[in-house]
Amino acid sequence: MMTEEMKNCSYCSEGTLLDAFGIKIGELPMSKVILFKEQSHRGRVIVACKKHVDDITLLTEEERKQYMDDVSHVAEILHELFHPDKINFGAYGDTMHHLHFHLVPKYKDGFEWGGVFAMNPQAVTLPQEEYDRLIGMIREKL
């Protein structure tokens, strides 16, 4: 049953709230994988927990292990497809109270190398065909 809080959650409702910043790629056992529309960091995705919780400590040990396995699996895919020099992992949740990680590929000669990634720099958006291509590449590996 979807509570009112879940109806207002981008990751639970998956409707226009999610469309504002992301495109769902697919699902893993404990997570939803979302392409972040702002692509200053090529390949940036969000791995959102399927369970509506505010903090990782609210998952059972088994759920937590599965969720972190999902995050790791997606990171491996990003390394394989995009060859970043480093992936930054961000799990903040100050304003969106649903457990999720931003996986942000960073490149030594690229945007924000050596610093903290901006939550939404609003600098790089792509044509729909390029979003579709990125989604297809990642979805094939999920």
N, C-alpha and C. Protein backbone atom coordinates (compact mmCIF):
# COMPACT_ATOMS: atom_id res chain seq x y z
N MET A 1 0.84 -1.19 0.00
CA MET A 1 0.00 0.00 0.00
C MET A 1 0.89 1.25 0.00
N MET A 2 0.56 2.19 -0.87
CA MET A 2 1.35 3.41 -0.98
C MET A 2 0.79 4.47 -0.05
N THR A 3 1.63 4.91 0.90
CA THR A 3 1.23 5.96 1.83
C THR A 3 1.29 7.32 1.12
N GLU A 4 0.76 8.33 1.78
CA GLU A 4 0.79 9.69 1.22
C GLU A 4 2.24 10.14 1.03
N GLU A 5 3.09 9.80 1.99
CA GLU A 5 4.51 10.15 1.89
C GLU A 5 5.14 9.50 0.66
N MET A 6 4.80 8.25 0.41
CA MET A 6 5.35 7.55 -0.75
C MET A 6 4.82 8.13 -2.06
N LYS A 7 3.57 8.59 -2.07
CA LYS A 7 2.99 9.21 -3.27
C LYS A 7 3.73 10.48 -3.64
N ASN A 8 4.33 11.14 -2.63
CA ASN A 8 5.07 12.38 -2.85
C ASN A 8 6.57 12.13 -3.00
N CYS A 9 6.96 10.88 -3.12
CA CYS A 9 8.37 10.51 -3.24
C CYS A 9 8.69 10.20 -4.70
N SER A 10 9.70 10.85 -5.24
CA SER A 10 10.09 10.64 -6.64
C SER A 10 10.40 9.18 -6.93
N TYR A 11 11.06 8.51 -6.02
CA TYR A 11 11.51 7.14 -6.27
C TYR A 11 10.38 6.13 -6.10
N CYS A 12 9.42 6.42 -5.26
CA CYS A 12 8.29 5.50 -5.08
C CYS A 12 7.23 5.69 -6.15
N SER A 13 6.90 6.95 -6.45
CA SER A 13 5.81 7.21 -7.39
C SER A 13 6.23 7.06 -8.85
N GLU A 14 7.51 7.35 -9.13
CA GLU A 14 8.09 7.20 -10.47
C GLU A 14 7.37 8.02 -11.55
N GLY A 15 6.60 8.97 -11.19
CA GLY A 15 5.86 9.75 -12.19
C GLY A 15 6.58 11.03 -12.56
N THR A 16 5.82 12.09 -12.59
CA THR A 16 6.37 13.38 -13.00
C THR A 16 7.44 13.88 -12.04
N LEU A 17 7.37 13.47 -10.77
CA LEU A 17 8.40 13.87 -9.81
C LEU A 17 9.77 13.32 -10.24
N LEU A 18 9.81 12.07 -10.67
CA LEU A 18 11.06 11.48 -11.13
C LEU A 18 11.47 12.05 -12.48
N ASP A 19 10.50 12.26 -13.35
CA ASP A 19 10.79 12.79 -14.69
C ASP A 19 11.50 14.14 -14.64
N ALA A 20 11.35 14.87 -13.55
CA ALA A 20 11.97 16.19 -13.43
C ALA A 20 13.49 16.11 -13.46
N PHE A 21 14.06 14.99 -13.01
CA PHE A 21 15.53 14.91 -12.93
C PHE A 21 16.12 13.59 -13.42
N GLY A 22 15.28 12.58 -13.65
CA GLY A 22 15.85 11.28 -14.00
C GLY A 22 14.97 10.46 -14.91
N ILE A 23 15.59 9.39 -15.42
CA ILE A 23 14.89 8.43 -16.28
C ILE A 23 15.20 7.04 -15.74
N LYS A 24 14.16 6.29 -15.41
CA LYS A 24 14.36 4.95 -14.87
C LYS A 24 14.98 4.05 -15.92
N ILE A 25 16.05 3.36 -15.53
CA ILE A 25 16.75 2.42 -16.41
C ILE A 25 16.22 1.01 -16.17
N GLY A 26 16.09 0.64 -14.93
CA GLY A 26 15.65 -0.71 -14.60
C GLY A 26 15.72 -0.95 -13.11
N GLU A 27 15.54 -2.22 -12.73
CA GLU A 27 15.53 -2.59 -11.32
C GLU A 27 16.48 -3.74 -11.06
N LEU A 28 17.01 -3.75 -9.85
CA LEU A 28 17.82 -4.84 -9.32
C LEU A 28 17.08 -5.36 -8.09
N PRO A 29 17.56 -6.41 -7.44
CA PRO A 29 16.79 -6.99 -6.34
C PRO A 29 16.32 -6.01 -5.25
N MET A 30 17.16 -5.03 -4.89
CA MET A 30 16.78 -4.13 -3.79
C MET A 30 16.80 -2.66 -4.22
N SER A 31 16.89 -2.41 -5.53
CA SER A 31 17.02 -1.01 -5.95
C SER A 31 16.41 -0.73 -7.32
N LYS A 32 16.25 0.56 -7.56
CA LYS A 32 15.87 1.08 -8.87
C LYS A 32 17.05 1.89 -9.37
N VAL A 33 17.40 1.72 -10.64
CA VAL A 33 18.53 2.43 -11.22
C VAL A 33 17.98 3.50 -12.15
N ILE A 34 18.46 4.73 -11.94
CA ILE A 34 17.92 5.89 -12.64
C ILE A 34 19.07 6.67 -13.27
N LEU A 35 18.92 7.00 -14.55
CA LEU A 35 19.89 7.87 -15.20
C LEU A 35 19.58 9.30 -14.78
N PHE A 36 20.58 10.00 -14.27
CA PHE A 36 20.43 11.39 -13.89
C PHE A 36 20.46 12.21 -15.17
N LYS A 37 19.43 12.99 -15.43
CA LYS A 37 19.34 13.72 -16.70
C LYS A 37 20.50 14.70 -16.89
N GLU A 38 20.93 15.33 -15.84
CA GLU A 38 22.05 16.26 -15.93
C GLU A 38 23.33 15.42 -16.06
N GLN A 39 23.97 15.49 -17.19
CA GLN A 39 25.09 14.60 -17.49
C GLN A 39 26.44 15.32 -17.60
N SER A 40 26.71 16.27 -16.70
CA SER A 40 28.05 16.87 -16.64
C SER A 40 29.09 15.80 -16.37
N HIS A 41 28.67 14.75 -15.68
CA HIS A 41 29.52 13.59 -15.42
C HIS A 41 28.91 12.43 -16.20
N ARG A 42 29.49 12.14 -17.33
CA ARG A 42 28.94 11.12 -18.24
C ARG A 42 28.76 9.79 -17.52
N GLY A 43 27.52 9.29 -17.55
CA GLY A 43 27.20 8.03 -16.90
C GLY A 43 26.64 8.16 -15.50
N ARG A 44 26.43 9.36 -15.01
CA ARG A 44 25.91 9.55 -13.65
C ARG A 44 24.54 8.91 -13.50
N VAL A 45 24.40 8.14 -12.43
CA VAL A 45 23.14 7.46 -12.14
C VAL A 45 22.80 7.60 -10.66
N ILE A 46 21.59 7.23 -10.35
CA ILE A 46 21.12 7.13 -8.97
C ILE A 46 20.69 5.69 -8.75
N VAL A 47 21.07 5.14 -7.60
CA VAL A 47 20.61 3.81 -7.20
C VAL A 47 19.75 4.02 -5.95
N ALA A 48 18.44 3.93 -6.15
CA ALA A 48 17.47 4.20 -5.08
C ALA A 48 16.95 2.89 -4.50
N CYS A 49 16.90 2.81 -3.21
CA CYS A 49 16.39 1.62 -2.53
C CYS A 49 14.92 1.42 -2.89
N LYS A 50 14.52 0.18 -3.11
CA LYS A 50 13.11 -0.11 -3.38
C LYS A 50 12.23 0.11 -2.16
N LYS A 51 12.82 -0.02 -0.99
CA LYS A 51 12.07 0.17 0.25
C LYS A 51 12.12 1.65 0.63
N HIS A 52 10.98 2.21 0.97
CA HIS A 52 10.92 3.63 1.33
C HIS A 52 11.40 3.82 2.77
N VAL A 53 12.71 4.04 2.89
CA VAL A 53 13.32 4.34 4.19
C VAL A 53 14.19 5.59 4.02
N ASP A 54 14.42 6.26 5.13
CA ASP A 54 15.18 7.50 5.14
C ASP A 54 16.67 7.27 5.36
N ASP A 55 17.03 6.10 5.88
CA ASP A 55 18.41 5.88 6.27
C ASP A 55 18.75 4.40 6.12
N ILE A 56 19.98 4.13 5.78
CA ILE A 56 20.42 2.74 5.56
C ILE A 56 20.29 1.90 6.83
N THR A 57 20.34 2.54 7.99
CA THR A 57 20.23 1.81 9.25
C THR A 57 18.81 1.28 9.48
N LEU A 58 17.86 1.71 8.68
CA LEU A 58 16.48 1.25 8.83
C LEU A 58 16.20 -0.01 8.01
N LEU A 59 17.21 -0.47 7.27
CA LEU A 59 17.09 -1.74 6.54
C LEU A 59 17.52 -2.88 7.44
N THR A 60 16.99 -4.05 7.17
CA THR A 60 17.50 -5.22 7.87
C THR A 60 18.91 -5.51 7.36
N GLU A 61 19.62 -6.35 8.05
CA GLU A 61 20.98 -6.70 7.61
C GLU A 61 20.96 -7.29 6.20
N GLU A 62 20.01 -8.16 5.94
CA GLU A 62 19.90 -8.78 4.61
C GLU A 62 19.56 -7.73 3.54
N GLU A 63 18.62 -6.84 3.83
CA GLU A 63 18.26 -5.78 2.88
C GLU A 63 19.45 -4.86 2.61
N ARG A 64 20.17 -4.50 3.68
CA ARG A 64 21.32 -3.62 3.55
C ARG A 64 22.41 -4.24 2.69
N LYS A 65 22.67 -5.52 2.92
CA LYS A 65 23.67 -6.21 2.11
C LYS A 65 23.25 -6.25 0.65
N GLN A 66 21.99 -6.57 0.38
CA GLN A 66 21.51 -6.64 -1.00
C GLN A 66 21.57 -5.26 -1.66
N TYR A 67 21.17 -4.23 -0.93
CA TYR A 67 21.21 -2.88 -1.48
C TYR A 67 22.65 -2.48 -1.83
N MET A 68 23.57 -2.72 -0.93
CA MET A 68 24.96 -2.35 -1.21
C MET A 68 25.56 -3.22 -2.32
N ASP A 69 25.12 -4.47 -2.44
CA ASP A 69 25.52 -5.29 -3.58
C ASP A 69 25.02 -4.68 -4.89
N ASP A 70 23.79 -4.16 -4.88
CA ASP A 70 23.24 -3.49 -6.06
C ASP A 70 24.08 -2.25 -6.42
N VAL A 71 24.41 -1.43 -5.41
CA VAL A 71 25.22 -0.23 -5.64
C VAL A 71 26.57 -0.62 -6.24
N SER A 72 27.18 -1.63 -5.68
CA SER A 72 28.48 -2.10 -6.18
C SER A 72 28.37 -2.61 -7.62
N HIS A 73 27.31 -3.36 -7.90
CA HIS A 73 27.11 -3.89 -9.26
C HIS A 73 26.99 -2.75 -10.27
N VAL A 74 26.24 -1.73 -9.93
CA VAL A 74 26.08 -0.59 -10.83
C VAL A 74 27.41 0.13 -11.01
N ALA A 75 28.18 0.28 -9.95
CA ALA A 75 29.50 0.91 -10.06
C ALA A 75 30.40 0.12 -11.01
N GLU A 76 30.36 -1.19 -10.91
CA GLU A 76 31.15 -2.03 -11.83
C GLU A 76 30.74 -1.80 -13.28
N ILE A 77 29.44 -1.66 -13.51
CA ILE A 77 28.94 -1.40 -14.86
C ILE A 77 29.45 -0.05 -15.37
N LEU A 78 29.41 0.97 -14.51
CA LEU A 78 29.89 2.29 -14.92
C LEU A 78 31.37 2.26 -15.24
N HIS A 79 32.15 1.54 -14.44
CA HIS A 79 33.58 1.40 -14.73
C HIS A 79 33.79 0.74 -16.09
N GLU A 80 33.05 -0.32 -16.35
CA GLU A 80 33.19 -1.05 -17.61
C GLU A 80 32.79 -0.21 -18.82
N LEU A 81 31.70 0.53 -18.70
CA LEU A 81 31.18 1.27 -19.85
C LEU A 81 31.85 2.61 -20.09
N PHE A 82 32.19 3.33 -19.01
CA PHE A 82 32.62 4.72 -19.16
C PHE A 82 34.08 4.96 -18.77
N HIS A 83 34.73 4.00 -18.15
CA HIS A 83 36.14 4.08 -17.79
C HIS A 83 36.51 5.35 -17.02
N PRO A 84 35.76 5.68 -15.96
CA PRO A 84 36.11 6.87 -15.19
C PRO A 84 37.40 6.62 -14.39
N ASP A 85 38.05 7.71 -14.02
CA ASP A 85 39.22 7.59 -13.15
C ASP A 85 38.80 7.30 -11.71
N LYS A 86 37.58 7.70 -11.36
CA LYS A 86 37.05 7.48 -10.02
C LYS A 86 35.53 7.63 -10.07
N ILE A 87 34.85 6.90 -9.22
CA ILE A 87 33.41 7.12 -9.05
C ILE A 87 33.21 7.69 -7.66
N ASN A 88 32.54 8.82 -7.58
CA ASN A 88 32.14 9.38 -6.29
C ASN A 88 30.77 8.83 -5.93
N PHE A 89 30.59 8.52 -4.66
CA PHE A 89 29.32 8.02 -4.16
C PHE A 89 28.76 9.06 -3.20
N GLY A 90 27.53 9.49 -3.43
CA GLY A 90 26.92 10.46 -2.54
C GLY A 90 25.57 9.98 -2.07
N ALA A 91 25.39 9.98 -0.74
CA ALA A 91 24.11 9.60 -0.15
C ALA A 91 23.77 10.65 0.90
N TYR A 92 23.02 11.66 0.49
CA TYR A 92 22.76 12.78 1.39
C TYR A 92 21.38 12.67 2.02
N GLY A 93 20.34 12.95 1.30
CA GLY A 93 18.99 12.77 1.81
C GLY A 93 18.48 13.87 2.71
N ASP A 94 19.13 15.03 2.71
CA ASP A 94 18.65 16.13 3.54
C ASP A 94 17.27 16.61 3.11
N THR A 95 17.04 16.62 1.80
CA THR A 95 15.77 17.13 1.31
C THR A 95 14.87 16.03 0.73
N MET A 96 15.47 14.95 0.26
CA MET A 96 14.67 13.84 -0.27
C MET A 96 14.84 12.65 0.69
N HIS A 97 13.83 12.39 1.45
CA HIS A 97 13.93 11.39 2.51
C HIS A 97 13.62 9.99 2.01
N HIS A 98 14.47 9.53 1.10
CA HIS A 98 14.39 8.18 0.56
C HIS A 98 15.83 7.76 0.29
N LEU A 99 16.23 6.63 0.83
CA LEU A 99 17.61 6.16 0.68
C LEU A 99 17.99 6.00 -0.79
N HIS A 100 19.02 6.72 -1.20
CA HIS A 100 19.52 6.62 -2.57
C HIS A 100 20.98 7.07 -2.61
N PHE A 101 21.72 6.51 -3.54
CA PHE A 101 23.11 6.90 -3.78
C PHE A 101 23.22 7.50 -5.17
N HIS A 102 23.95 8.60 -5.26
CA HIS A 102 24.37 9.14 -6.56
C HIS A 102 25.70 8.49 -6.87
N LEU A 103 25.82 7.88 -8.04
CA LEU A 103 27.10 7.33 -8.51
C LEU A 103 27.56 8.26 -9.61
N VAL A 104 28.68 8.95 -9.35
CA VAL A 104 29.12 10.04 -10.21
C VAL A 104 30.51 9.73 -10.77
N PRO A 105 30.57 9.29 -12.01
CA PRO A 105 31.87 9.04 -12.64
C PRO A 105 32.65 10.35 -12.77
N LYS A 106 33.91 10.32 -12.35
CA LYS A 106 34.76 11.51 -12.43
C LYS A 106 35.97 11.18 -13.31
N TYR A 107 36.41 12.19 -14.04
CA TYR A 107 37.50 12.03 -15.00
C TYR A 107 38.56 13.09 -14.71
N LYS A 108 39.83 12.68 -14.66
CA LYS A 108 40.92 13.60 -14.29
C LYS A 108 40.93 14.86 -15.14
N ASP A 109 40.58 14.76 -16.38
CA ASP A 109 40.59 15.94 -17.25
C ASP A 109 39.18 16.50 -17.43
N GLY A 110 38.28 16.16 -16.50
CA GLY A 110 36.88 16.55 -16.67
C GLY A 110 36.35 17.48 -15.59
N PHE A 111 35.08 17.74 -15.70
CA PHE A 111 34.34 18.63 -14.83
C PHE A 111 34.45 18.22 -13.37
N GLU A 112 34.83 19.16 -12.51
CA GLU A 112 34.87 19.03 -11.04
C GLU A 112 35.89 18.02 -10.52
N TRP A 113 36.86 17.61 -11.33
CA TRP A 113 37.87 16.68 -10.82
C TRP A 113 38.55 17.31 -9.61
N GLY A 114 38.72 16.53 -8.56
CA GLY A 114 39.40 17.00 -7.35
C GLY A 114 38.50 17.72 -6.37
N GLY A 115 37.22 17.82 -6.68
CA GLY A 115 36.29 18.48 -5.78
C GLY A 115 35.02 17.68 -5.60
N VAL A 116 34.16 18.18 -4.77
CA VAL A 116 32.87 17.55 -4.52
C VAL A 116 31.96 17.83 -5.71
N PHE A 117 31.22 16.83 -6.15
CA PHE A 117 30.32 17.06 -7.28
C PHE A 117 29.12 17.90 -6.85
N ALA A 118 28.68 18.74 -7.77
CA ALA A 118 27.49 19.56 -7.53
C ALA A 118 26.25 18.68 -7.62
N MET A 119 25.26 18.96 -6.80
CA MET A 119 24.07 18.13 -6.82
C MET A 119 23.38 18.19 -8.18
N ASN A 120 23.25 19.39 -8.73
CA ASN A 120 22.66 19.51 -10.05
C ASN A 120 23.20 20.78 -10.71
N PRO A 121 24.34 20.67 -11.39
CA PRO A 121 24.94 21.87 -11.98
C PRO A 121 24.13 22.47 -13.12
N GLN A 122 23.17 21.73 -13.65
CA GLN A 122 22.29 22.19 -14.72
C GLN A 122 23.08 22.75 -15.90
N ALA A 123 24.14 22.02 -16.28
CA ALA A 123 25.01 22.47 -17.36
C ALA A 123 24.88 21.62 -18.62
N VAL A 124 24.68 20.30 -18.46
CA VAL A 124 24.68 19.41 -19.62
C VAL A 124 23.41 18.57 -19.66
N THR A 125 22.58 18.86 -20.65
CA THR A 125 21.45 17.98 -20.94
C THR A 125 21.70 17.40 -22.33
N LEU A 126 21.08 16.29 -22.60
CA LEU A 126 21.34 15.55 -23.84
C LEU A 126 20.08 15.46 -24.69
N PRO A 127 20.26 15.25 -25.99
CA PRO A 127 19.09 14.94 -26.83
C PRO A 127 18.51 13.58 -26.40
N GLN A 128 17.23 13.38 -26.60
CA GLN A 128 16.58 12.14 -26.18
C GLN A 128 17.27 10.91 -26.73
N GLU A 129 17.77 10.98 -27.96
CA GLU A 129 18.45 9.82 -28.57
C GLU A 129 19.68 9.42 -27.76
N GLU A 130 20.39 10.40 -27.20
CA GLU A 130 21.59 10.09 -26.40
C GLU A 130 21.20 9.51 -25.05
N TYR A 131 20.12 10.03 -24.44
CA TYR A 131 19.63 9.42 -23.20
C TYR A 131 19.25 7.96 -23.48
N ASP A 132 18.55 7.73 -24.56
CA ASP A 132 18.13 6.37 -24.92
C ASP A 132 19.34 5.46 -25.10
N ARG A 133 20.39 5.98 -25.74
CA ARG A 133 21.60 5.18 -25.97
C ARG A 133 22.27 4.83 -24.64
N LEU A 134 22.43 5.81 -23.76
CA LEU A 134 23.04 5.55 -22.45
C LEU A 134 22.22 4.55 -21.65
N ILE A 135 20.91 4.74 -21.65
CA ILE A 135 20.03 3.83 -20.92
C ILE A 135 20.16 2.41 -21.46
N GLY A 136 20.18 2.28 -22.78
CA GLY A 136 20.32 0.96 -23.39
C GLY A 136 21.63 0.29 -23.01
N MET A 137 22.72 1.06 -23.01
CA MET A 137 24.03 0.50 -22.64
C MET A 137 24.02 -0.04 -21.21
N ILE A 138 23.48 0.78 -20.30
CA ILE A 138 23.47 0.38 -18.88
C ILE A 138 22.48 -0.75 -18.64
N ARG A 139 21.29 -0.64 -19.24
CA ARG A 139 20.25 -1.66 -19.05
C ARG A 139 20.75 -3.04 -19.50
N GLU A 140 21.49 -3.07 -20.57
CA GLU A 140 22.02 -4.34 -21.10
C GLU A 140 22.91 -5.05 -20.09
N LYS A 141 23.58 -4.28 -19.23
CA LYS A 141 24.51 -4.84 -18.24
C LYS A 141 23.86 -5.15 -16.90
N LEU A 142 22.67 -4.58 -16.66
CA LEU A 142 22.01 -4.80 -15.36
C LEU A 142 21.67 -6.27 -15.20
